[in-house]
């Protein structure tokens, strides 16, 4: 798995229309916090119990088609869940998986706030809220 910055991810998605951007956060985060424009939502884990989605691999396979060779760019809040989800995808046969470092909201600053140090939104990349 390759780890790339939000800007690198955006550039990769712009230059490779076959690549899929998959947001692995919870449904509430995706809908209410916002998400990158064009991101497809497939939760890695979700409330109320935060168990791993048993259908995650199957849902991604259905979206990706192409025998697991389509580039997948994964994003979460800070880059942690997307890394774990990416490892699971690689173990299941996907060949090209990217993890977006710092995720959508970025790392915590000294006051424990997000969106002020790094991340997709901080970098000014296109995003939307439902």
N, C-alpha and C. Protein backbone atom coordinates (compact mmCIF):
# COMPACT_ATOMS: atom_id res chain seq x y z
N UNK A 1 0.86 -1.17 0.00
CA UNK A 1 0.00 0.00 0.00
C UNK A 1 0.90 1.23 0.00
N UNK A 2 0.53 2.17 -0.83
CA UNK A 2 1.28 3.42 -0.88
C UNK A 2 0.52 4.48 -0.09
N UNK A 3 1.25 5.25 0.70
CA UNK A 3 0.66 6.33 1.48
C UNK A 3 0.94 7.64 0.74
N UNK A 4 -0.14 8.39 0.47
CA UNK A 4 0.00 9.63 -0.29
C UNK A 4 -0.72 10.77 0.43
N UNK A 5 -0.27 11.98 0.18
CA UNK A 5 -0.90 13.15 0.79
C UNK A 5 -2.25 13.40 0.12
N UNK A 6 -3.09 14.20 0.73
CA UNK A 6 -4.37 14.55 0.09
C UNK A 6 -4.18 15.17 -1.29
N UNK A 7 -3.22 16.05 -1.43
CA UNK A 7 -2.98 16.69 -2.74
C UNK A 7 -2.53 15.66 -3.77
N UNK A 8 -1.66 14.74 -3.37
CA UNK A 8 -1.23 13.68 -4.29
C UNK A 8 -2.42 12.80 -4.67
N UNK A 9 -3.29 12.52 -3.71
CA UNK A 9 -4.48 11.71 -4.00
C UNK A 9 -5.38 12.42 -5.01
N UNK A 10 -5.61 13.70 -4.80
CA UNK A 10 -6.44 14.48 -5.72
C UNK A 10 -5.84 14.45 -7.12
N UNK A 11 -4.54 14.65 -7.23
CA UNK A 11 -3.87 14.63 -8.53
C UNK A 11 -3.97 13.26 -9.19
N UNK A 12 -3.80 12.20 -8.40
CA UNK A 12 -3.92 10.84 -8.93
C UNK A 12 -5.34 10.61 -9.48
N UNK A 13 -6.34 11.03 -8.71
CA UNK A 13 -7.73 10.85 -9.15
C UNK A 13 -8.03 11.65 -10.41
N UNK A 14 -7.45 12.84 -10.53
CA UNK A 14 -7.66 13.66 -11.72
C UNK A 14 -6.99 13.05 -12.95
N UNK A 15 -5.83 12.45 -12.76
CA UNK A 15 -5.07 11.91 -13.90
C UNK A 15 -5.46 10.47 -14.24
N UNK A 16 -6.19 9.80 -13.37
CA UNK A 16 -6.56 8.41 -13.61
C UNK A 16 -8.06 8.24 -13.37
N UNK A 17 -8.88 8.43 -14.40
CA UNK A 17 -10.33 8.35 -14.21
C UNK A 17 -10.82 6.96 -13.82
N UNK A 18 -9.98 5.94 -13.92
CA UNK A 18 -10.36 4.59 -13.51
C UNK A 18 -10.25 4.39 -12.00
N UNK A 19 -9.52 5.27 -11.33
CA UNK A 19 -9.31 5.15 -9.88
C UNK A 19 -10.60 5.48 -9.13
N UNK A 20 -10.80 4.78 -8.02
CA UNK A 20 -11.97 5.01 -7.16
C UNK A 20 -11.51 5.63 -5.84
N UNK A 21 -12.21 6.67 -5.40
CA UNK A 21 -11.98 7.26 -4.09
C UNK A 21 -13.05 6.71 -3.16
N UNK A 22 -12.63 5.95 -2.16
CA UNK A 22 -13.56 5.31 -1.24
C UNK A 22 -13.37 5.90 0.15
N UNK A 23 -14.45 6.46 0.69
CA UNK A 23 -14.47 7.03 2.04
C UNK A 23 -14.93 5.92 2.97
N UNK A 24 -14.06 5.51 3.90
CA UNK A 24 -14.35 4.37 4.76
C UNK A 24 -14.88 4.76 6.13
N UNK A 25 -15.17 6.05 6.33
CA UNK A 25 -15.69 6.51 7.63
C UNK A 25 -17.12 6.03 7.85
N UNK A 26 -17.64 6.33 9.01
CA UNK A 26 -19.02 5.97 9.33
C UNK A 26 -19.98 6.78 8.45
N UNK A 27 -21.20 6.31 8.37
CA UNK A 27 -22.21 7.01 7.57
C UNK A 27 -22.45 8.42 8.09
N UNK A 28 -22.48 8.58 9.41
CA UNK A 28 -22.72 9.90 10.00
C UNK A 28 -21.59 10.87 9.64
N UNK A 29 -20.34 10.40 9.73
CA UNK A 29 -19.22 11.26 9.35
C UNK A 29 -19.32 11.67 7.89
N UNK A 30 -19.58 10.69 7.04
CA UNK A 30 -19.67 10.94 5.60
C UNK A 30 -20.76 11.97 5.29
N UNK A 31 -21.92 11.81 5.89
CA UNK A 31 -23.05 12.69 5.59
C UNK A 31 -22.95 14.06 6.25
N UNK A 32 -22.57 14.10 7.52
CA UNK A 32 -22.67 15.34 8.27
C UNK A 32 -21.38 16.13 8.41
N UNK A 33 -20.23 15.46 8.39
CA UNK A 33 -18.96 16.18 8.45
C UNK A 33 -18.57 16.64 7.05
N UNK A 34 -18.99 15.88 6.06
CA UNK A 34 -18.65 16.16 4.68
C UNK A 34 -17.73 15.10 4.14
N UNK A 35 -17.47 15.15 2.84
CA UNK A 35 -16.62 14.16 2.18
C UNK A 35 -16.06 14.75 0.89
N UNK A 36 -14.98 14.18 0.40
CA UNK A 36 -14.43 14.65 -0.87
C UNK A 36 -15.46 14.49 -1.99
N UNK A 37 -15.48 15.45 -2.89
CA UNK A 37 -16.36 15.36 -4.05
C UNK A 37 -15.97 14.10 -4.84
N UNK A 38 -16.97 13.31 -5.17
CA UNK A 38 -16.74 12.08 -5.94
C UNK A 38 -16.44 10.86 -5.11
N UNK A 39 -16.33 11.00 -3.80
CA UNK A 39 -16.03 9.85 -2.96
C UNK A 39 -17.24 8.92 -2.88
N UNK A 40 -16.95 7.64 -2.87
CA UNK A 40 -17.97 6.61 -2.70
C UNK A 40 -17.88 6.13 -1.25
N UNK A 41 -19.00 6.05 -0.58
CA UNK A 41 -18.99 5.66 0.82
C UNK A 41 -19.15 4.16 1.00
N UNK A 42 -18.17 3.56 1.67
CA UNK A 42 -18.24 2.16 2.10
C UNK A 42 -17.60 2.12 3.49
N UNK A 43 -18.41 2.03 4.53
CA UNK A 43 -17.89 2.05 5.90
C UNK A 43 -16.99 0.86 6.17
N UNK A 44 -15.85 1.13 6.78
CA UNK A 44 -14.99 0.05 7.30
C UNK A 44 -15.61 -0.48 8.59
N UNK A 45 -16.00 0.44 9.47
CA UNK A 45 -16.75 0.08 10.67
C UNK A 45 -17.71 1.22 10.96
N UNK A 46 -18.75 0.93 11.70
CA UNK A 46 -19.79 1.93 11.93
C UNK A 46 -20.46 1.65 13.26
N UNK A 47 -21.16 2.67 13.77
CA UNK A 47 -21.86 2.55 15.04
C UNK A 47 -23.09 1.67 14.89
N UNK A 48 -23.72 1.28 15.96
CA UNK A 48 -23.42 1.74 17.32
C UNK A 48 -22.28 0.96 17.98
N UNK A 49 -21.94 -0.22 17.46
CA UNK A 49 -20.93 -1.04 18.13
C UNK A 49 -19.54 -0.90 17.52
N UNK A 50 -19.42 -0.23 16.41
CA UNK A 50 -18.15 0.01 15.73
C UNK A 50 -17.43 -1.28 15.36
N UNK A 51 -18.22 -2.28 14.98
CA UNK A 51 -17.64 -3.53 14.50
C UNK A 51 -17.27 -3.37 13.03
N UNK A 52 -16.28 -4.12 12.60
CA UNK A 52 -15.87 -4.08 11.20
C UNK A 52 -17.03 -4.56 10.33
N UNK A 53 -17.26 -3.83 9.26
CA UNK A 53 -18.31 -4.16 8.31
C UNK A 53 -17.98 -5.50 7.63
N UNK A 54 -18.76 -6.55 7.89
CA UNK A 54 -18.45 -7.86 7.30
C UNK A 54 -18.61 -7.88 5.78
N UNK A 55 -19.26 -6.88 5.22
CA UNK A 55 -19.47 -6.81 3.77
C UNK A 55 -18.51 -5.86 3.07
N UNK A 56 -17.54 -5.30 3.82
CA UNK A 56 -16.66 -4.28 3.26
C UNK A 56 -15.95 -4.76 1.99
N UNK A 57 -15.26 -5.88 2.07
CA UNK A 57 -14.50 -6.39 0.92
C UNK A 57 -15.43 -6.65 -0.26
N UNK A 58 -16.56 -7.28 -0.01
CA UNK A 58 -17.51 -7.58 -1.08
C UNK A 58 -18.07 -6.32 -1.73
N UNK A 59 -18.37 -5.31 -0.92
CA UNK A 59 -18.89 -4.05 -1.47
C UNK A 59 -17.85 -3.37 -2.36
N UNK A 60 -16.61 -3.38 -1.91
CA UNK A 60 -15.55 -2.76 -2.71
C UNK A 60 -15.31 -3.56 -3.99
N UNK A 61 -15.32 -4.88 -3.89
CA UNK A 61 -15.15 -5.72 -5.09
C UNK A 61 -16.24 -5.42 -6.12
N UNK A 62 -17.46 -5.27 -5.64
CA UNK A 62 -18.57 -4.97 -6.54
C UNK A 62 -18.37 -3.62 -7.23
N UNK A 63 -17.91 -2.63 -6.49
CA UNK A 63 -17.67 -1.30 -7.06
C UNK A 63 -16.50 -1.30 -8.03
N UNK A 64 -15.44 -2.01 -7.66
CA UNK A 64 -14.20 -1.95 -8.43
C UNK A 64 -14.23 -2.80 -9.70
N UNK A 65 -14.87 -3.95 -9.63
CA UNK A 65 -14.84 -4.82 -10.79
C UNK A 65 -13.41 -5.07 -11.23
N UNK A 66 -13.18 -5.29 -12.48
CA UNK A 66 -11.85 -5.32 -13.09
C UNK A 66 -10.87 -6.26 -12.39
N UNK A 67 -11.34 -7.30 -11.75
CA UNK A 67 -10.46 -8.29 -11.14
C UNK A 67 -9.54 -7.78 -10.04
N UNK A 68 -9.90 -6.69 -9.41
CA UNK A 68 -9.09 -6.17 -8.31
C UNK A 68 -7.89 -5.34 -8.75
N UNK A 69 -7.86 -4.94 -10.02
CA UNK A 69 -6.71 -4.18 -10.52
C UNK A 69 -6.98 -2.69 -10.66
N UNK A 70 -8.18 -2.27 -10.37
CA UNK A 70 -8.51 -0.85 -10.44
C UNK A 70 -7.89 -0.13 -9.25
N UNK A 71 -7.24 1.01 -9.45
CA UNK A 71 -6.65 1.73 -8.32
C UNK A 71 -7.71 2.18 -7.32
N UNK A 72 -7.44 1.93 -6.04
CA UNK A 72 -8.34 2.32 -4.97
C UNK A 72 -7.63 3.33 -4.07
N UNK A 73 -8.27 4.47 -3.85
CA UNK A 73 -7.75 5.50 -2.97
C UNK A 73 -8.68 5.56 -1.77
N UNK A 74 -8.16 5.24 -0.58
CA UNK A 74 -8.98 5.18 0.62
C UNK A 74 -8.74 6.38 1.51
N UNK A 75 -9.83 6.92 2.07
CA UNK A 75 -9.73 8.06 2.97
C UNK A 75 -10.65 7.83 4.17
N UNK A 76 -10.21 8.31 5.32
CA UNK A 76 -11.04 8.31 6.53
C UNK A 76 -10.85 9.66 7.22
N UNK A 77 -11.05 9.74 8.49
CA UNK A 77 -10.90 11.02 9.19
C UNK A 77 -9.44 11.46 9.25
N UNK A 78 -8.55 10.54 9.64
CA UNK A 78 -7.16 10.93 9.87
C UNK A 78 -6.13 10.02 9.20
N UNK A 79 -6.58 8.99 8.51
CA UNK A 79 -5.66 8.08 7.82
C UNK A 79 -5.45 6.75 8.50
N UNK A 80 -6.03 6.55 9.69
CA UNK A 80 -5.83 5.30 10.42
C UNK A 80 -6.76 4.18 9.96
N UNK A 81 -8.06 4.44 9.94
CA UNK A 81 -9.00 3.40 9.50
C UNK A 81 -8.76 3.02 8.05
N UNK A 82 -8.45 4.01 7.23
CA UNK A 82 -8.23 3.72 5.81
C UNK A 82 -6.99 2.84 5.62
N UNK A 83 -6.00 2.99 6.49
CA UNK A 83 -4.82 2.13 6.40
C UNK A 83 -5.18 0.68 6.74
N UNK A 84 -5.95 0.48 7.79
CA UNK A 84 -6.36 -0.87 8.18
C UNK A 84 -7.25 -1.49 7.09
N UNK A 85 -8.17 -0.70 6.56
CA UNK A 85 -9.05 -1.18 5.49
C UNK A 85 -8.24 -1.51 4.24
N UNK A 86 -7.24 -0.70 3.95
CA UNK A 86 -6.38 -0.95 2.79
C UNK A 86 -5.61 -2.25 2.92
N UNK A 87 -5.11 -2.54 4.12
CA UNK A 87 -4.41 -3.81 4.34
C UNK A 87 -5.35 -4.99 4.09
N UNK A 88 -6.59 -4.87 4.55
CA UNK A 88 -7.57 -5.94 4.32
C UNK A 88 -7.83 -6.13 2.83
N UNK A 89 -7.90 -5.04 2.09
CA UNK A 89 -8.13 -5.15 0.64
C UNK A 89 -6.94 -5.80 -0.05
N UNK A 90 -5.73 -5.43 0.34
CA UNK A 90 -4.55 -6.06 -0.25
C UNK A 90 -4.53 -7.56 0.05
N UNK A 91 -4.87 -7.93 1.28
CA UNK A 91 -4.90 -9.34 1.66
C UNK A 91 -5.96 -10.12 0.89
N UNK A 92 -7.00 -9.41 0.43
CA UNK A 92 -8.06 -10.10 -0.31
C UNK A 92 -7.82 -10.10 -1.82
N UNK A 93 -6.67 -9.59 -2.27
CA UNK A 93 -6.32 -9.71 -3.68
C UNK A 93 -6.26 -8.42 -4.48
N UNK A 94 -6.63 -7.30 -3.89
CA UNK A 94 -6.50 -6.04 -4.62
C UNK A 94 -5.02 -5.72 -4.78
N UNK A 95 -4.67 -5.14 -5.91
CA UNK A 95 -3.25 -4.93 -6.18
C UNK A 95 -2.78 -3.48 -6.04
N UNK A 96 -3.67 -2.52 -6.19
CA UNK A 96 -3.26 -1.12 -6.16
C UNK A 96 -4.14 -0.35 -5.18
N UNK A 97 -3.60 -0.15 -3.98
CA UNK A 97 -4.34 0.52 -2.92
C UNK A 97 -3.50 1.67 -2.37
N UNK A 98 -4.13 2.83 -2.26
CA UNK A 98 -3.49 4.03 -1.72
C UNK A 98 -4.22 4.45 -0.45
N UNK A 99 -3.47 4.87 0.54
CA UNK A 99 -4.03 5.41 1.77
C UNK A 99 -3.75 6.90 1.80
N UNK A 100 -4.79 7.71 2.03
CA UNK A 100 -4.61 9.16 2.10
C UNK A 100 -4.14 9.53 3.50
N UNK A 101 -2.89 9.96 3.58
CA UNK A 101 -2.33 10.41 4.85
C UNK A 101 -3.13 11.59 5.38
N UNK A 102 -3.31 11.64 6.67
CA UNK A 102 -4.01 12.72 7.37
C UNK A 102 -5.51 12.73 7.11
N UNK A 103 -6.01 11.94 6.16
CA UNK A 103 -7.43 11.80 5.93
C UNK A 103 -8.16 13.07 5.55
N UNK A 104 -9.44 13.08 5.83
CA UNK A 104 -10.31 14.19 5.47
C UNK A 104 -10.14 15.37 6.43
N UNK A 105 -10.01 15.07 7.74
CA UNK A 105 -9.96 16.13 8.74
C UNK A 105 -8.57 16.42 9.30
N UNK A 106 -7.62 15.55 9.07
CA UNK A 106 -6.25 15.80 9.50
C UNK A 106 -5.95 15.46 10.94
N UNK A 107 -4.71 15.68 11.29
CA UNK A 107 -4.23 15.40 12.64
C UNK A 107 -4.74 16.47 13.62
N UNK A 108 -4.67 16.13 14.89
CA UNK A 108 -5.07 17.07 15.94
C UNK A 108 -4.00 18.14 16.11
N UNK A 109 -4.44 19.38 16.36
CA UNK A 109 -3.50 20.44 16.68
C UNK A 109 -3.27 20.45 18.20
N UNK A 110 -2.56 21.43 18.69
CA UNK A 110 -2.23 21.47 20.12
C UNK A 110 -3.45 21.65 21.02
N UNK A 111 -4.56 22.17 20.46
CA UNK A 111 -5.80 22.30 21.24
C UNK A 111 -6.76 21.13 20.97
N UNK A 112 -6.27 20.09 20.31
CA UNK A 112 -7.04 18.88 20.01
C UNK A 112 -8.17 19.15 19.01
N UNK A 113 -7.95 20.07 18.09
CA UNK A 113 -8.91 20.35 17.01
C UNK A 113 -8.35 19.78 15.70
N UNK A 114 -9.25 19.41 14.84
CA UNK A 114 -8.85 18.94 13.50
C UNK A 114 -9.07 20.06 12.50
N UNK A 115 -8.68 19.82 11.26
CA UNK A 115 -8.85 20.75 10.13
C UNK A 115 -7.96 21.99 10.22
N UNK A 116 -6.96 21.98 11.08
CA UNK A 116 -6.10 23.15 11.18
C UNK A 116 -4.62 22.83 10.91
N UNK A 117 -4.29 21.55 10.77
CA UNK A 117 -2.89 21.17 10.55
C UNK A 117 -2.68 20.63 9.15
N UNK A 118 -3.51 19.68 8.76
CA UNK A 118 -3.38 19.03 7.45
C UNK A 118 -4.69 18.30 7.16
N UNK A 119 -4.74 17.58 6.07
CA UNK A 119 -5.94 16.84 5.68
C UNK A 119 -6.58 17.41 4.43
N UNK A 120 -7.53 16.66 3.88
CA UNK A 120 -8.19 17.01 2.63
C UNK A 120 -8.82 18.40 2.70
N UNK A 121 -9.63 18.66 3.72
CA UNK A 121 -10.29 19.97 3.84
C UNK A 121 -9.27 21.08 4.08
N UNK A 122 -8.32 20.85 4.97
CA UNK A 122 -7.30 21.86 5.26
C UNK A 122 -6.54 22.25 4.01
N UNK A 123 -6.29 21.28 3.12
CA UNK A 123 -5.53 21.55 1.90
C UNK A 123 -6.36 22.24 0.82
N UNK A 124 -7.64 22.51 1.11
CA UNK A 124 -8.48 23.23 0.17
C UNK A 124 -8.95 22.42 -1.03
N UNK A 125 -8.98 21.12 -0.88
CA UNK A 125 -9.43 20.25 -1.97
C UNK A 125 -10.95 20.19 -1.99
N UNK A 126 -11.57 19.88 -3.11
CA UNK A 126 -13.03 19.94 -3.21
C UNK A 126 -13.73 18.92 -2.32
N UNK A 127 -14.72 19.43 -1.58
CA UNK A 127 -15.51 18.56 -0.71
C UNK A 127 -16.93 19.11 -0.65
N UNK A 128 -17.82 18.28 -0.14
CA UNK A 128 -19.23 18.66 -0.04
C UNK A 128 -19.84 18.02 1.19
N UNK A 129 -21.00 18.55 1.54
CA UNK A 129 -21.78 18.03 2.66
C UNK A 129 -23.17 17.69 2.14
N UNK A 130 -23.73 16.59 2.60
CA UNK A 130 -25.07 16.20 2.15
C UNK A 130 -26.13 16.96 2.91
